[in-house]
Amino acid sequence: MGIFDFLLDANNYESRKVARDTSKCGIIVSTAYTSDEGFETALIDDSDVYPVERYGTEEQAEQGHKKWLEFAHDANGKQITMLEGIGGFAPAKVVTIVCK
């Protein structure tokens, strides 16, 4: 895999999507297959996209999505570790979730 494989994912989210839901507090939980990292769940707020977990299979991704959706229902003020991405150019970091 190349460092810019994520560019292959432009304009084809629906075909890669495992699940996408909005939590009670307005955080979007998106789980999809990505060309650079495989199956991945991300939390999305008004500020950014936070990749939080990666999986080896679609079944694991479905289970992980459910877990993160439950977390996101009451996520306001909770901290998460955003995963490293883009071949290490986007470092992992701790962020605080702010609900809408």
PDB file of N, CA and C in Angstrom:
ATOM      1  N   MET A   1       0.834  -1.194   0.000  1.00  0.00           N
ATOM      2  CA  MET A   1       0.000   0.000   0.000  1.00  0.00           C
ATOM      3  C   MET A   1       0.870   1.246   0.000  1.00  0.00           C
ATOM      4  N   GLY A   2       0.386   2.238  -0.695  1.00  0.00           N
ATOM      5  CA  GLY A   2       1.117   3.486  -0.758  1.00  0.00           C
ATOM      6  C   GLY A   2       0.579   4.516   0.203  1.00  0.00           C
ATOM      7  N   ILE A   3       1.393   5.492   0.455  1.00  0.00           N
ATOM      8  CA  ILE A   3       1.044   6.537   1.419  1.00  0.00           C
ATOM      9  C   ILE A   3      -0.170   7.355   0.977  1.00  0.00           C
ATOM     10  N   PHE A   4      -0.428   7.425  -0.312  1.00  0.00           N
ATOM     11  CA  PHE A   4      -1.541   8.234  -0.809  1.00  0.00           C
ATOM     12  C   PHE A   4      -2.743   7.390  -1.241  1.00  0.00           C
ATOM     13  N   ASP A   5      -2.809   6.140  -0.778  1.00  0.00           N
ATOM     14  CA  ASP A   5      -3.931   5.272  -1.140  1.00  0.00           C
ATOM     15  C   ASP A   5      -5.275   5.841  -0.702  1.00  0.00           C
ATOM     16  N   PHE A   6      -5.284   6.666   0.342  1.00  0.00           N
ATOM     17  CA  PHE A   6      -6.546   7.244   0.810  1.00  0.00           C
ATOM     18  C   PHE A   6      -7.225   8.069  -0.284  1.00  0.00           C
ATOM     19  N   LEU A   7      -6.462   8.542  -1.264  1.00  0.00           N
ATOM     20  CA  LEU A   7      -7.041   9.326  -2.356  1.00  0.00           C
ATOM     21  C   LEU A   7      -7.985   8.479  -3.215  1.00  0.00           C
ATOM     22  N   LEU A   8      -7.808   7.152  -3.178  1.00  0.00           N
ATOM     23  CA  LEU A   8      -8.689   6.255  -3.932  1.00  0.00           C
ATOM     24  C   LEU A   8     -10.104   6.246  -3.369  1.00  0.00           C
ATOM     25  N   ASP A   9     -10.279   6.753  -2.151  1.00  0.00           N
ATOM     26  CA  ASP A   9     -11.568   6.715  -1.476  1.00  0.00           C
ATOM     27  C   ASP A   9     -12.468   7.912  -1.775  1.00  0.00           C
ATOM     28  N   ALA A  10     -12.006   8.826  -2.591  1.00  0.00           N
ATOM     29  CA  ALA A  10     -12.803  10.016  -2.901  1.00  0.00           C
ATOM     30  C   ALA A  10     -14.041   9.631  -3.707  1.00  0.00           C
ATOM     31  N   ASN A  11     -15.172  10.168  -3.311  1.00  0.00           N
ATOM     32  CA  ASN A  11     -16.428  10.039  -4.045  1.00  0.00           C
ATOM     33  C   ASN A  11     -16.983   8.616  -4.140  1.00  0.00           C
ATOM     34  N   ASN A  12     -16.603   7.716  -3.220  1.00  0.00           N
ATOM     35  CA  ASN A  12     -17.181   6.367  -3.255  1.00  0.00           C
ATOM     36  C   ASN A  12     -17.520   5.858  -1.848  1.00  0.00           C
ATOM     37  N   TYR A  13     -17.854   6.770  -0.953  1.00  0.00           N
ATOM     38  CA  TYR A  13     -18.138   6.402   0.438  1.00  0.00           C
ATOM     39  C   TYR A  13     -19.259   5.378   0.546  1.00  0.00           C
ATOM     40  N   GLU A  14     -20.325   5.555  -0.195  1.00  0.00           N
ATOM     41  CA  GLU A  14     -21.479   4.654  -0.071  1.00  0.00           C
ATOM     42  C   GLU A  14     -21.098   3.202  -0.354  1.00  0.00           C
ATOM     43  N   SER A  15     -20.203   2.972  -1.281  1.00  0.00           N
ATOM     44  CA  SER A  15     -19.806   1.598  -1.596  1.00  0.00           C
ATOM     45  C   SER A  15     -18.847   1.012  -0.556  1.00  0.00           C
ATOM     46  N   ARG A  16     -18.193   1.867   0.227  1.00  0.00           N
ATOM     47  CA  ARG A  16     -17.244   1.417   1.246  1.00  0.00           C
ATOM     48  C   ARG A  16     -17.852   1.383   2.646  1.00  0.00           C
ATOM     49  N   LYS A  17     -19.015   2.006   2.818  1.00  0.00           N
ATOM     50  CA  LYS A  17     -19.635   2.188   4.132  1.00  0.00           C
ATOM     51  C   LYS A  17     -20.079   0.858   4.733  1.00  0.00           C
ATOM     52  N   VAL A  18     -19.742   0.682   6.017  1.00  0.00           N
ATOM     53  CA  VAL A  18     -20.262  -0.424   6.817  1.00  0.00           C
ATOM     54  C   VAL A  18     -21.501   0.073   7.558  1.00  0.00           C
ATOM     55  N   ALA A  19     -21.389   1.226   8.202  1.00  0.00           N
ATOM     56  CA  ALA A  19     -22.514   1.855   8.918  1.00  0.00           C
ATOM     57  C   ALA A  19     -22.180   3.316   9.176  1.00  0.00           C
ATOM     58  N   ARG A  20     -23.227   4.124   9.312  1.00  0.00           N
ATOM     59  CA  ARG A  20     -23.067   5.547   9.645  1.00  0.00           C
ATOM     60  C   ARG A  20     -24.311   5.958  10.426  1.00  0.00           C
ATOM     61  N   ASP A  21     -24.086   6.459  11.636  1.00  0.00           N
ATOM     62  CA  ASP A  21     -25.177   6.852  12.516  1.00  0.00           C
ATOM     63  C   ASP A  21     -24.807   8.143  13.223  1.00  0.00           C
ATOM     64  N   THR A  22     -25.833   8.860  13.669  1.00  0.00           N
ATOM     65  CA  THR A  22     -25.634  10.051  14.479  1.00  0.00           C
ATOM     66  C   THR A  22     -26.081   9.730  15.895  1.00  0.00           C
ATOM     67  N   SER A  23     -25.220  10.001  16.866  1.00  0.00           N
ATOM     68  CA  SER A  23     -25.518   9.707  18.266  1.00  0.00           C
ATOM     69  C   SER A  23     -26.524  10.706  18.827  1.00  0.00           C
ATOM     70  N   LYS A  24     -27.024  10.403  19.995  1.00  0.00           N
ATOM     71  CA  LYS A  24     -27.986  11.280  20.675  1.00  0.00           C
ATOM     72  C   LYS A  24     -27.440  12.692  20.880  1.00  0.00           C
ATOM     73  N   CYS A  25     -26.122  12.815  21.024  1.00  0.00           N
ATOM     74  CA  CYS A  25     -25.543  14.143  21.269  1.00  0.00           C
ATOM     75  C   CYS A  25     -24.988  14.783  19.999  1.00  0.00           C
ATOM     76  N   GLY A  26     -25.262  14.178  18.826  1.00  0.00           N
ATOM     77  CA  GLY A  26     -24.900  14.807  17.566  1.00  0.00           C
ATOM     78  C   GLY A  26     -23.569  14.402  16.971  1.00  0.00           C
ATOM     79  N   ILE A  27     -22.860  13.474  17.599  1.00  0.00           N
ATOM     80  CA  ILE A  27     -21.597  12.981  17.042  1.00  0.00           C
ATOM     81  C   ILE A  27     -21.921  11.941  15.975  1.00  0.00           C
ATOM     82  N   ILE A  28     -21.315  12.068  14.810  1.00  0.00           N
ATOM     83  CA  ILE A  28     -21.496  11.073  13.753  1.00  0.00           C
ATOM     84  C   ILE A  28     -20.475   9.955  13.983  1.00  0.00           C
ATOM     85  N   VAL A  29     -20.944   8.721  13.904  1.00  0.00           N
ATOM     86  CA  VAL A  29     -20.078   7.542  13.982  1.00  0.00           C
ATOM     87  C   VAL A  29     -20.100   6.914  12.597  1.00  0.00           C
ATOM     88  N   SER A  30     -18.944   6.889  11.952  1.00  0.00           N
ATOM     89  CA  SER A  30     -18.830   6.382  10.593  1.00  0.00           C
ATOM     90  C   SER A  30     -17.839   5.223  10.564  1.00  0.00           C
ATOM     91  N   THR A  31     -18.282   4.095  10.019  1.00  0.00           N
ATOM     92  CA  THR A  31     -17.404   2.943   9.855  1.00  0.00           C
ATOM     93  C   THR A  31     -17.411   2.571   8.382  1.00  0.00           C
ATOM     94  N   ALA A  32     -16.214   2.493   7.808  1.00  0.00           N
ATOM     95  CA  ALA A  32     -16.092   2.221   6.376  1.00  0.00           C
ATOM     96  C   ALA A  32     -14.761   1.557   6.090  1.00  0.00           C
ATOM     97  N   TYR A  33     -14.654   0.994   4.901  1.00  0.00           N
ATOM     98  CA  TYR A  33     -13.379   0.456   4.441  1.00  0.00           C
ATOM     99  C   TYR A  33     -12.587   1.603   3.833  1.00  0.00           C
ATOM    100  N   THR A  34     -11.313   1.715   4.214  1.00  0.00           N
ATOM    101  CA  THR A  34     -10.440   2.732   3.634  1.00  0.00           C
ATOM    102  C   THR A  34      -9.289   2.047   2.904  1.00  0.00           C
ATOM    103  N   SER A  35      -8.879   2.609   1.785  1.00  0.00           N
ATOM    104  CA  SER A  35      -7.828   1.999   0.977  1.00  0.00           C
ATOM    105  C   SER A  35      -6.485   1.968   1.675  1.00  0.00           C
ATOM    106  N   ASP A  36      -6.262   2.904   2.590  1.00  0.00           N
ATOM    107  CA  ASP A  36      -4.952   2.964   3.248  1.00  0.00           C
ATOM    108  C   ASP A  36      -4.904   2.239   4.593  1.00  0.00           C
ATOM    109  N   GLU A  37      -6.039   2.108   5.290  1.00  0.00           N
ATOM    110  CA  GLU A  37      -6.013   1.532   6.638  1.00  0.00           C
ATOM    111  C   GLU A  37      -6.960   0.347   6.824  1.00  0.00           C
ATOM    112  N   GLY A  38      -7.740  -0.025   5.834  1.00  0.00           N
ATOM    113  CA  GLY A  38      -8.707  -1.108   5.977  1.00  0.00           C
ATOM    114  C   GLY A  38      -9.977  -0.600   6.646  1.00  0.00           C
ATOM    115  N   PHE A  39     -10.689  -1.491   7.330  1.00  0.00           N
ATOM    116  CA  PHE A  39     -11.923  -1.097   8.011  1.00  0.00           C
ATOM    117  C   PHE A  39     -11.592  -0.197   9.192  1.00  0.00           C
ATOM    118  N   GLU A  40     -12.355   0.891   9.328  1.00  0.00           N
ATOM    119  CA  GLU A  40     -12.031   1.899  10.336  1.00  0.00           C
ATOM    120  C   GLU A  40     -13.299   2.603  10.804  1.00  0.00           C
ATOM    121  N   THR A  41     -13.366   2.873  12.103  1.00  0.00           N
ATOM    122  CA  THR A  41     -14.429   3.701  12.663  1.00  0.00           C
ATOM    123  C   THR A  41     -13.849   5.056  13.006  1.00  0.00           C
ATOM    124  N   ALA A  42     -14.609   6.110  12.676  1.00  0.00           N
ATOM    125  CA  ALA A  42     -14.217   7.475  13.021  1.00  0.00           C
ATOM    126  C   ALA A  42     -15.398   8.169  13.687  1.00  0.00           C
ATOM    127  N   LEU A  43     -15.079   9.037  14.653  1.00  0.00           N
ATOM    128  CA  LEU A  43     -16.073   9.919  15.252  1.00  0.00           C
ATOM    129  C   LEU A  43     -15.916  11.275  14.586  1.00  0.00           C
ATOM    130  N   ILE A  44     -17.036  11.909  14.277  1.00  0.00           N
ATOM    131  CA  ILE A  44     -17.010  13.174  13.549  1.00  0.00           C
ATOM    132  C   ILE A  44     -17.828  14.196  14.322  1.00  0.00           C
ATOM    133  N   ASP A  45     -17.192  15.333  14.644  1.00  0.00           N
ATOM    134  CA  ASP A  45     -17.918  16.433  15.272  1.00  0.00           C
ATOM    135  C   ASP A  45     -17.794  17.662  14.377  1.00  0.00           C
ATOM    136  N   ASP A  46     -18.167  18.807  14.863  1.00  0.00           N
ATOM    137  CA  ASP A  46     -18.104  20.022  14.044  1.00  0.00           C
ATOM    138  C   ASP A  46     -16.676  20.454  13.735  1.00  0.00           C
ATOM    139  N   SER A  47     -15.698  19.937  14.485  1.00  0.00           N
ATOM    140  CA  SER A  47     -14.314  20.376  14.334  1.00  0.00           C
ATOM    141  C   SER A  47     -13.463  19.491  13.440  1.00  0.00           C
ATOM    142  N   ASP A  48     -13.682  18.153  13.494  1.00  0.00           N
ATOM    143  CA  ASP A  48     -12.733  17.264  12.834  1.00  0.00           C
ATOM    144  C   ASP A  48     -13.295  15.857  12.716  1.00  0.00           C
ATOM    145  N   VAL A  49     -12.497  15.001  12.090  1.00  0.00           N
ATOM    146  CA  VAL A  49     -12.766  13.570  11.977  1.00  0.00           C
ATOM    147  C   VAL A  49     -11.705  12.860  12.800  1.00  0.00           C
ATOM    148  N   TYR A  50     -12.151  11.967  13.696  1.00  0.00           N
ATOM    149  CA  TYR A  50     -11.235  11.294  14.615  1.00  0.00           C
ATOM    150  C   TYR A  50     -11.286   9.785  14.405  1.00  0.00           C
ATOM    151  N   PRO A  51     -10.332   9.206  13.657  1.00  0.00           N
ATOM    152  CA  PRO A  51     -10.286   7.752  13.546  1.00  0.00           C
ATOM    153  C   PRO A  51      -9.984   7.160  14.929  1.00  0.00           C
ATOM    154  N   VAL A  52     -10.803   6.185  15.362  1.00  0.00           N
ATOM    155  CA  VAL A  52     -10.649   5.667  16.716  1.00  0.00           C
ATOM    156  C   VAL A  52     -10.364   4.167  16.798  1.00  0.00           C
ATOM    157  N   GLU A  53     -10.709   3.410  15.745  1.00  0.00           N
ATOM    158  CA  GLU A  53     -10.435   1.972  15.807  1.00  0.00           C
ATOM    159  C   GLU A  53     -10.391   1.404  14.392  1.00  0.00           C
ATOM    160  N   ARG A  54      -9.503   0.399  14.207  1.00  0.00           N
ATOM    161  CA  ARG A  54      -9.374  -0.288  12.919  1.00  0.00           C
ATOM    162  C   ARG A  54      -9.606  -1.776  13.135  1.00  0.00           C
ATOM    163  N   TYR A  55     -10.032  -2.451  12.068  1.00  0.00           N
ATOM    164  CA  TYR A  55     -10.444  -3.852  12.182  1.00  0.00           C
ATOM    165  C   TYR A  55      -9.916  -4.664  11.001  1.00  0.00           C
ATOM    166  N   GLY A  56      -9.794  -5.953  11.227  1.00  0.00           N
ATOM    167  CA  GLY A  56      -9.335  -6.854  10.180  1.00  0.00           C
ATOM    168  C   GLY A  56     -10.435  -7.372   9.282  1.00  0.00           C
ATOM    169  N   THR A  57     -11.673  -7.374   9.788  1.00  0.00           N
ATOM    170  CA  THR A  57     -12.784  -7.917   9.004  1.00  0.00           C
ATOM    171  C   THR A  57     -13.994  -6.986   9.070  1.00  0.00           C
ATOM    172  N   GLU A  58     -14.912  -7.177   8.139  1.00  0.00           N
ATOM    173  CA  GLU A  58     -16.133  -6.383   8.140  1.00  0.00           C
ATOM    174  C   GLU A  58     -16.992  -6.718   9.360  1.00  0.00           C
ATOM    175  N   GLU A  59     -17.010  -7.979   9.756  1.00  0.00           N
ATOM    176  CA  GLU A  59     -17.773  -8.364  10.955  1.00  0.00           C
ATOM    177  C   GLU A  59     -17.246  -7.655  12.202  1.00  0.00           C
ATOM    178  N   GLN A  60     -15.938  -7.599  12.352  1.00  0.00           N
ATOM    179  CA  GLN A  60     -15.347  -6.865  13.485  1.00  0.00           C
ATOM    180  C   GLN A  60     -15.705  -5.381  13.393  1.00  0.00           C
ATOM    181  N   ALA A  61     -15.716  -4.845  12.180  1.00  0.00           N
ATOM    182  CA  ALA A  61     -16.055  -3.429  11.982  1.00  0.00           C
ATOM    183  C   ALA A  61     -17.503  -3.162  12.397  1.00  0.00           C
ATOM    184  N   GLU A  62     -18.415  -4.067  12.073  1.00  0.00           N
ATOM    185  CA  GLU A  62     -19.816  -3.909  12.463  1.00  0.00           C
ATOM    186  C   GLU A  62     -19.957  -3.888  13.981  1.00  0.00           C
ATOM    187  N   GLN A  63     -19.255  -4.791  14.670  1.00  0.00           N
ATOM    188  CA  GLN A  63     -19.299  -4.834  16.131  1.00  0.00           C
ATOM    189  C   GLN A  63     -18.663  -3.585  16.736  1.00  0.00           C
ATOM    190  N   GLY A  64     -17.538  -3.169  16.178  1.00  0.00           N
ATOM    191  CA  GLY A  64     -16.863  -1.966  16.656  1.00  0.00           C
ATOM    192  C   GLY A  64     -17.724  -0.726  16.465  1.00  0.00           C
ATOM    193  N   HIS A  65     -18.432  -0.667  15.356  1.00  0.00           N
ATOM    194  CA  HIS A  65     -19.316   0.471  15.101  1.00  0.00           C
ATOM    195  C   HIS A  65     -20.371   0.583  16.197  1.00  0.00           C
ATOM    196  N   LYS A  66     -20.980  -0.537  16.535  1.00  0.00           N
ATOM    197  CA  LYS A  66     -22.002  -0.544  17.592  1.00  0.00           C
ATOM    198  C   LYS A  66     -21.419  -0.052  18.920  1.00  0.00           C
ATOM    199  N   LYS A  67     -20.220  -0.514  19.237  1.00  0.00           N
ATOM    200  CA  LYS A  67     -19.555  -0.103  20.486  1.00  0.00           C
ATOM    201  C   LYS A  67     -19.314   1.403  20.508  1.00  0.00           C
ATOM    202  N   TRP A  68     -18.804   1.956  19.395  1.00  0.00           N
ATOM    203  CA  TRP A  68     -18.499   3.388  19.351  1.00  0.00           C
ATOM    204  C   TRP A  68     -19.763   4.239  19.298  1.00  0.00           C
ATOM    205  N   LEU A  69     -20.831   3.730  18.702  1.00  0.00           N
ATOM    206  CA  LEU A  69     -22.090   4.466  18.712  1.00  0.00           C
ATOM    207  C   LEU A  69     -22.616   4.570  20.138  1.00  0.00           C
ATOM    208  N   GLU A  70     -22.546   3.487  20.883  1.00  0.00           N
ATOM    209  CA  GLU A  70     -22.968   3.522  22.291  1.00  0.00           C
ATOM    210  C   GLU A  70     -22.125   4.533  23.074  1.00  0.00           C
ATOM    211  N   PHE A  71     -20.818   4.527  22.853  1.00  0.00           N
ATOM    212  CA  PHE A  71     -19.921   5.488  23.498  1.00  0.00           C
ATOM    213  C   PHE A  71     -20.324   6.922  23.145  1.00  0.00           C
ATOM    214  N   ALA A  72     -20.630   7.151  21.864  1.00  0.00           N
ATOM    215  CA  ALA A  72     -20.883   8.503  21.374  1.00  0.00           C
ATOM    216  C   ALA A  72     -22.197   9.097  21.872  1.00  0.00           C
ATOM    217  N   HIS A  73     -23.129   8.262  22.312  1.00  0.00           N
ATOM    218  CA  HIS A  73     -24.411   8.785  22.805  1.00  0.00           C
ATOM    219  C   HIS A  73     -24.206   9.726  23.989  1.00  0.00           C
ATOM    220  N   ASP A  74     -23.183   9.472  24.787  1.00  0.00           N
ATOM    221  CA  ASP A  74     -22.909  10.285  25.977  1.00  0.00           C
ATOM    222  C   ASP A  74     -21.425  10.656  26.015  1.00  0.00           C
ATOM    223  N   ALA A  75     -20.918  11.156  24.894  1.00  0.00           N
ATOM    224  CA  ALA A  75     -19.480  11.385  24.758  1.00  0.00           C
ATOM    225  C   ALA A  75     -19.020  12.781  25.158  1.00  0.00           C
ATOM    226  N   ASN A  76     -19.940  13.700  25.408  1.00  0.00           N
ATOM    227  CA  ASN A  76     -19.545  15.080  25.665  1.00  0.00           C
ATOM    228  C   ASN A  76     -18.534  15.172  26.806  1.00  0.00           C
ATOM    229  N   GLY A  77     -17.397  15.760  26.513  1.00  0.00           N
ATOM    230  CA  GLY A  77     -16.349  15.951  27.503  1.00  0.00           C
ATOM    231  C   GLY A  77     -15.436  14.751  27.704  1.00  0.00           C
ATOM    232  N   LYS A  78     -15.739  13.629  27.058  1.00  0.00           N
ATOM    233  CA  LYS A  78     -14.883  12.441  27.180  1.00  0.00           C
ATOM    234  C   LYS A  78     -13.686  12.563  26.252  1.00  0.00           C
ATOM    235  N   GLN A  79     -12.587  11.978  26.681  1.00  0.00           N
ATOM    236  CA  GLN A  79     -11.385  11.983  25.855  1.00  0.00           C
ATOM    237  C   GLN A  79     -11.256  10.671  25.099  1.00  0.00           C
ATOM    238  N   ILE A  80     -10.738  10.779  23.883  1.00  0.00           N
ATOM    239  CA  ILE A  80     -10.434   9.613  23.056  1.00  0.00           C
ATOM    240  C   ILE A  80      -9.029   9.788  22.502  1.00  0.00           C
ATOM    241  N   THR A  81      -8.450   8.703  22.051  1.00  0.00           N
ATOM    242  CA  THR A  81      -7.170   8.778  21.361  1.00  0.00           C
ATOM    243  C   THR A  81      -7.436   8.614  19.876  1.00  0.00           C
ATOM    244  N   MET A  82      -7.183   9.666  19.131  1.00  0.00           N
ATOM    245  CA  MET A  82      -7.305   9.631  17.684  1.00  0.00           C
ATOM    246  C   MET A  82      -6.121   8.847  17.140  1.00  0.00           C
ATOM    247  N   LEU A  83      -6.372   7.851  16.299  1.00  0.00           N
ATOM    248  CA  LEU A  83      -5.318   6.996  15.773  1.00  0.00           C
ATOM    249  C   LEU A  83      -4.396   7.721  14.806  1.00  0.00           C
ATOM    250  N   GLU A  84      -3.173   7.256  14.752  1.00  0.00           N
ATOM    251  CA  GLU A  84      -2.210   7.746  13.764  1.00  0.00           C
ATOM    252  C   GLU A  84      -2.737   7.422  12.374  1.00  0.00           C
ATOM    253  N   GLY A  85      -2.437   8.256  11.410  1.00  0.00           N
ATOM    254  CA  GLY A  85      -2.889   7.999  10.050  1.00  0.00           C
ATOM    255  C   GLY A  85      -1.958   8.540   9.007  1.00  0.00           C
ATOM    256  N   ILE A  86      -2.330   8.321   7.776  1.00  0.00           N
ATOM    257  CA  ILE A  86      -1.599   8.780   6.598  1.00  0.00           C
ATOM    258  C   ILE A  86      -0.114   8.410   6.692  1.00  0.00           C
ATOM    259  N   GLY A  87       0.116   7.126   6.910  1.00  0.00           N
ATOM    260  CA  GLY A  87       1.486   6.624   6.935  1.00  0.00           C
ATOM    261  C   GLY A  87       2.354   7.237   8.017  1.00  0.00           C
ATOM    262  N   GLY A  88       1.756   7.684   9.108  1.00  0.00           N
ATOM    263  CA  GLY A  88       2.512   8.268  10.200  1.00  0.00           C
ATOM    264  C   GLY A  88       2.630   9.777  10.153  1.00  0.00           C
ATOM    265  N   PHE A  89       2.166  10.392   9.071  1.00  0.00           N
ATOM    266  CA  PHE A  89       2.241  11.849   8.963  1.00  0.00           C
ATOM    267  C   PHE A  89       1.210  12.553   9.833  1.00  0.00           C
ATOM    268  N   ALA A  90       0.142  11.851  10.186  1.00  0.00           N
ATOM    269  CA  ALA A  90      -0.857  12.384  11.115  1.00  0.00           C
ATOM    270  C   ALA A  90      -0.695  11.598  12.421  1.00  0.00           C
ATOM    271  N   PRO A  91      -0.044  12.179  13.398  1.00  0.00           N
ATOM    272  CA  PRO A  91       0.246  11.442  14.637  1.00  0.00           C
ATOM    273  C   PRO A  91      -0.994  11.183  15.478  1.00  0.00           C
ATOM    274  N   ALA A  92      -0.939  10.132  16.287  1.00  0.00           N
ATOM    275  CA  ALA A  92      -1.997   9.861  17.248  1.00  0.00           C
ATOM    276  C   ALA A  92      -2.021  11.007  18.265  1.00  0.00           C
ATOM    277  N   LYS A  93      -3.218  11.330  18.749  1.00  0.00           N
ATOM    278  CA  LYS A  93      -3.309  12.376  19.761  1.00  0.00           C
ATOM    279  C   LYS A  93      -4.591  12.205  20.575  1.00  0.00           C
ATOM    280  N   VAL A  94      -4.582  12.729  21.766  1.00  0.00           N
ATOM    281  CA  VAL A  94      -5.743  12.691  22.641  1.00  0.00           C
ATOM    282  C   VAL A  94      -6.573  13.938  22.381  1.00  0.00           C
ATOM    283  N   VAL A  95      -7.887  13.736  22.188  1.00  0.00           N
ATOM    284  CA  VAL A  95      -8.798  14.844  21.943  1.00  0.00           C
ATOM    285  C   VAL A  95     -10.019  14.708  22.854  1.00  0.00           C
ATOM    286  N   THR A  96     -10.663  15.821  23.134  1.00  0.00           N
ATOM    287  CA  THR A  96     -11.889  15.833  23.936  1.00  0.00           C
ATOM    288  C   THR A  96     -13.071  16.027  23.010  1.00  0.00           C
ATOM    289  N   ILE A  97     -14.045  15.151  23.128  1.00  0.00           N
ATOM    290  CA  ILE A  97     -15.238  15.211  22.305  1.00  0.00           C
ATOM    291  C   ILE A  97     -16.184  16.283  22.798  1.00  0.00           C
ATOM    292  N   VAL A  98     -16.718  17.076  21.889  1.00  0.00           N
ATOM    293  CA  VAL A  98     -17.702  18.100  22.223  1.00  0.00           C
ATOM    294  C   VAL A  98     -18.967  17.815  21.414  1.00  0.00           C
ATOM    295  N   CYS A  99     -20.038  17.519  22.103  1.00  0.00           N
ATOM    296  CA  CYS A  99     -21.303  17.228  21.418  1.00  0.00           C
ATOM    297  C   CYS A  99     -21.915  18.503  20.862  1.00  0.00           C
ATOM    298  N   LYS A 100     -22.759  18.349  19.883  1.00  0.00           N
ATOM    299  CA  LYS A 100     -23.410  19.485  19.214  1.00  0.00           C
ATOM    300  C   LYS A 100     -24.521  20.036  20.054  1.00  0.00           C
TER     301      LYS A 100
END
